[in-house]
């Protein structure tokens, strides 16, 4: 039986951010099974190991699903995303540390696109630079 399910993109982003967070936590070795005086808690440890394995499997799917939500990307953006993700970073973060209007980090592709636009013409994004109409040309050191 083929079944289609609609999931709003903002919900998917929240789910993937949670998985990224849990994935980061799962890299910490807090099982302590290698330390002396450890009291075996096999069920707990096995559940944690299973969760770690499932998170790692889901993280590979995150990139595939993310690419479906972004739309058309060029080869350089795809290569940059692969390097970014291979470096242990989330697809829902960007190297420019840019945030959207809701205060959440921008995703990788959109963050990089905005970052490139800022690099090309910062006067469109920031006031008071030499390209700004209100700039008075005063380059002297401040009096204090």
Protein backbone atom coordinates (compact mmCIF):
# COMPACT_ATOMS: atom_id res chain seq x y z
CA UNK A 1 0.00 0.00 0.00
CA UNK A 2 1.54 3.30 -1.13
CA UNK A 3 0.88 6.16 1.23
CA UNK A 4 1.80 9.83 0.95
CA UNK A 5 2.39 11.89 4.05
CA UNK A 6 2.75 15.67 4.11
CA UNK A 7 5.12 17.04 6.73
CA UNK A 8 5.58 20.82 6.92
CA UNK A 9 9.15 21.87 6.17
CA UNK A 10 9.53 23.76 9.47
CA UNK A 11 8.70 20.53 11.34
CA UNK A 12 11.30 18.62 9.31
CA UNK A 13 13.89 21.29 10.11
CA UNK A 14 13.10 20.97 13.84
CA UNK A 15 13.35 17.18 13.66
CA UNK A 16 16.66 17.34 11.82
CA UNK A 17 18.06 19.93 14.25
CA UNK A 18 17.11 17.59 17.11
CA UNK A 19 18.84 14.69 15.38
CA UNK A 20 21.95 16.83 14.88
CA UNK A 21 21.89 17.73 18.55
CA UNK A 22 21.44 14.12 19.63
CA UNK A 23 24.15 13.07 17.19
CA UNK A 24 26.56 15.49 18.84
CA UNK A 25 25.66 14.10 22.24
CA UNK A 26 26.08 10.54 21.04
CA UNK A 27 29.71 11.23 20.14
CA UNK A 28 30.47 11.66 23.83
CA UNK A 29 31.45 8.40 25.47
CA UNK A 30 29.37 8.44 28.61
CA UNK A 31 28.84 4.70 28.95
CA UNK A 32 31.81 4.29 31.35
CA UNK A 33 31.91 0.54 30.68
CA UNK A 34 35.69 0.69 30.44
CA UNK A 35 36.22 2.18 33.93
CA UNK A 36 36.83 0.24 37.12
CA UNK A 37 33.95 -0.11 39.53
CA UNK A 38 31.42 -0.01 36.70
CA UNK A 39 28.14 -1.67 37.58
CA UNK A 40 26.79 -3.28 34.41
CA UNK A 41 23.63 -1.68 33.12
CA UNK A 42 23.37 -3.70 29.95
CA UNK A 43 19.88 -2.66 28.93
CA UNK A 44 20.68 1.03 29.34
CA UNK A 45 24.02 0.75 27.52
CA UNK A 46 22.55 -1.33 24.71
CA UNK A 47 19.74 1.18 24.24
CA UNK A 48 22.29 4.02 24.04
CA UNK A 49 24.39 2.12 21.50
CA UNK A 50 21.30 1.40 19.41
CA UNK A 51 20.29 5.06 19.54
CA UNK A 52 23.79 6.13 18.44
CA UNK A 53 23.66 3.73 15.50
CA UNK A 54 20.19 4.88 14.42
CA UNK A 55 21.17 8.56 14.68
CA UNK A 56 24.22 7.98 12.48
CA UNK A 57 22.03 6.21 9.92
CA UNK A 58 19.46 9.03 10.00
CA UNK A 59 22.12 11.72 9.66
CA UNK A 60 23.01 10.36 6.22
CA UNK A 61 19.37 10.74 5.21
CA UNK A 62 19.26 14.31 6.50
CA UNK A 63 21.45 15.56 3.66
CA UNK A 64 19.31 13.81 1.05
CA UNK A 65 16.09 15.24 2.48
CA UNK A 66 17.66 18.67 2.94
CA UNK A 67 18.66 18.78 -0.73
CA UNK A 68 15.04 18.08 -1.67
CA UNK A 69 13.89 21.09 0.37
CA UNK A 70 16.49 23.51 -1.00
CA UNK A 71 15.82 23.09 -4.71
CA UNK A 72 18.37 23.77 -7.42
CA UNK A 73 21.97 23.95 -6.30
CA UNK A 74 25.08 24.10 -8.43
CA UNK A 75 28.05 21.75 -8.27
CA UNK A 76 30.18 24.08 -6.11
CA UNK A 77 27.37 24.39 -3.55
CA UNK A 78 26.96 20.60 -3.48
CA UNK A 79 30.72 20.13 -3.01
CA UNK A 80 30.79 22.75 -0.25
CA UNK A 81 27.87 21.04 1.49
CA UNK A 82 29.58 17.65 1.33
CA UNK A 83 32.78 19.10 2.85
CA UNK A 84 30.80 20.98 5.51
CA UNK A 85 28.84 17.87 6.52
CA UNK A 86 31.92 15.60 6.41
CA UNK A 87 33.58 18.03 8.83
CA UNK A 88 30.92 17.14 11.41
CA UNK A 89 28.76 20.22 10.83
CA UNK A 90 25.01 20.38 10.44
CA UNK A 91 23.27 21.20 7.18
CA UNK A 92 21.15 23.54 9.28
CA UNK A 93 24.11 25.76 10.12
CA UNK A 94 26.43 27.86 7.95
CA UNK A 95 30.07 28.96 7.99
CA UNK A 96 29.09 32.65 8.08
CA UNK A 97 27.14 32.26 11.35
CA UNK A 98 24.15 33.99 9.76
CA UNK A 99 20.72 33.80 11.39
CA UNK A 100 17.26 34.14 9.90
CA UNK A 101 14.58 36.56 11.07
CA UNK A 102 13.35 34.07 13.71
CA UNK A 103 16.80 33.90 15.33
CA UNK A 104 17.68 30.40 14.14
CA UNK A 105 20.89 29.71 12.20
CA UNK A 106 20.35 29.75 8.46
CA UNK A 107 20.80 26.46 6.65
CA UNK A 108 24.05 25.86 4.78
CA UNK A 109 23.01 26.66 1.19
CA UNK A 110 20.96 29.76 1.99
CA UNK A 111 23.55 30.98 4.50
CA UNK A 112 26.31 30.62 1.91
CA UNK A 113 24.23 32.38 -0.74
CA UNK A 114 23.53 35.33 1.57
CA UNK A 115 27.17 35.31 2.73
CA UNK A 116 28.36 35.57 -0.88
CA UNK A 117 25.94 38.47 -1.48
CA UNK A 118 27.32 40.22 1.59
CA UNK A 119 30.87 39.72 0.31
CA UNK A 120 29.94 41.17 -3.09
CA UNK A 121 28.05 44.22 -1.85
CA UNK A 122 28.18 44.83 1.90
CA UNK A 123 26.59 48.27 1.55
CA UNK A 124 23.25 46.60 0.81
CA UNK A 125 23.39 44.91 4.21
CA UNK A 126 25.31 47.30 6.46
CA UNK A 127 25.09 51.04 7.00
CA UNK A 128 28.00 53.39 7.48
CA UNK A 129 30.49 51.90 5.02
CA UNK A 130 32.21 53.82 2.23
CA UNK A 131 29.53 52.72 -0.26
CA UNK A 132 26.75 54.07 1.95
CA UNK A 133 25.20 57.40 0.89
CA UNK A 134 25.32 58.70 4.47
CA UNK A 135 29.04 58.03 4.91
CA UNK A 136 30.92 61.27 5.50
CA UNK A 137 34.39 59.96 4.57
CA UNK A 138 35.88 60.57 8.00
CA UNK A 139 38.55 57.90 8.50
CA UNK A 140 40.25 59.55 11.49
CA UNK A 141 40.75 57.71 14.73
CA UNK A 142 38.07 58.39 17.36
CA UNK A 143 39.04 61.06 19.95
CA UNK A 144 38.83 58.66 22.89
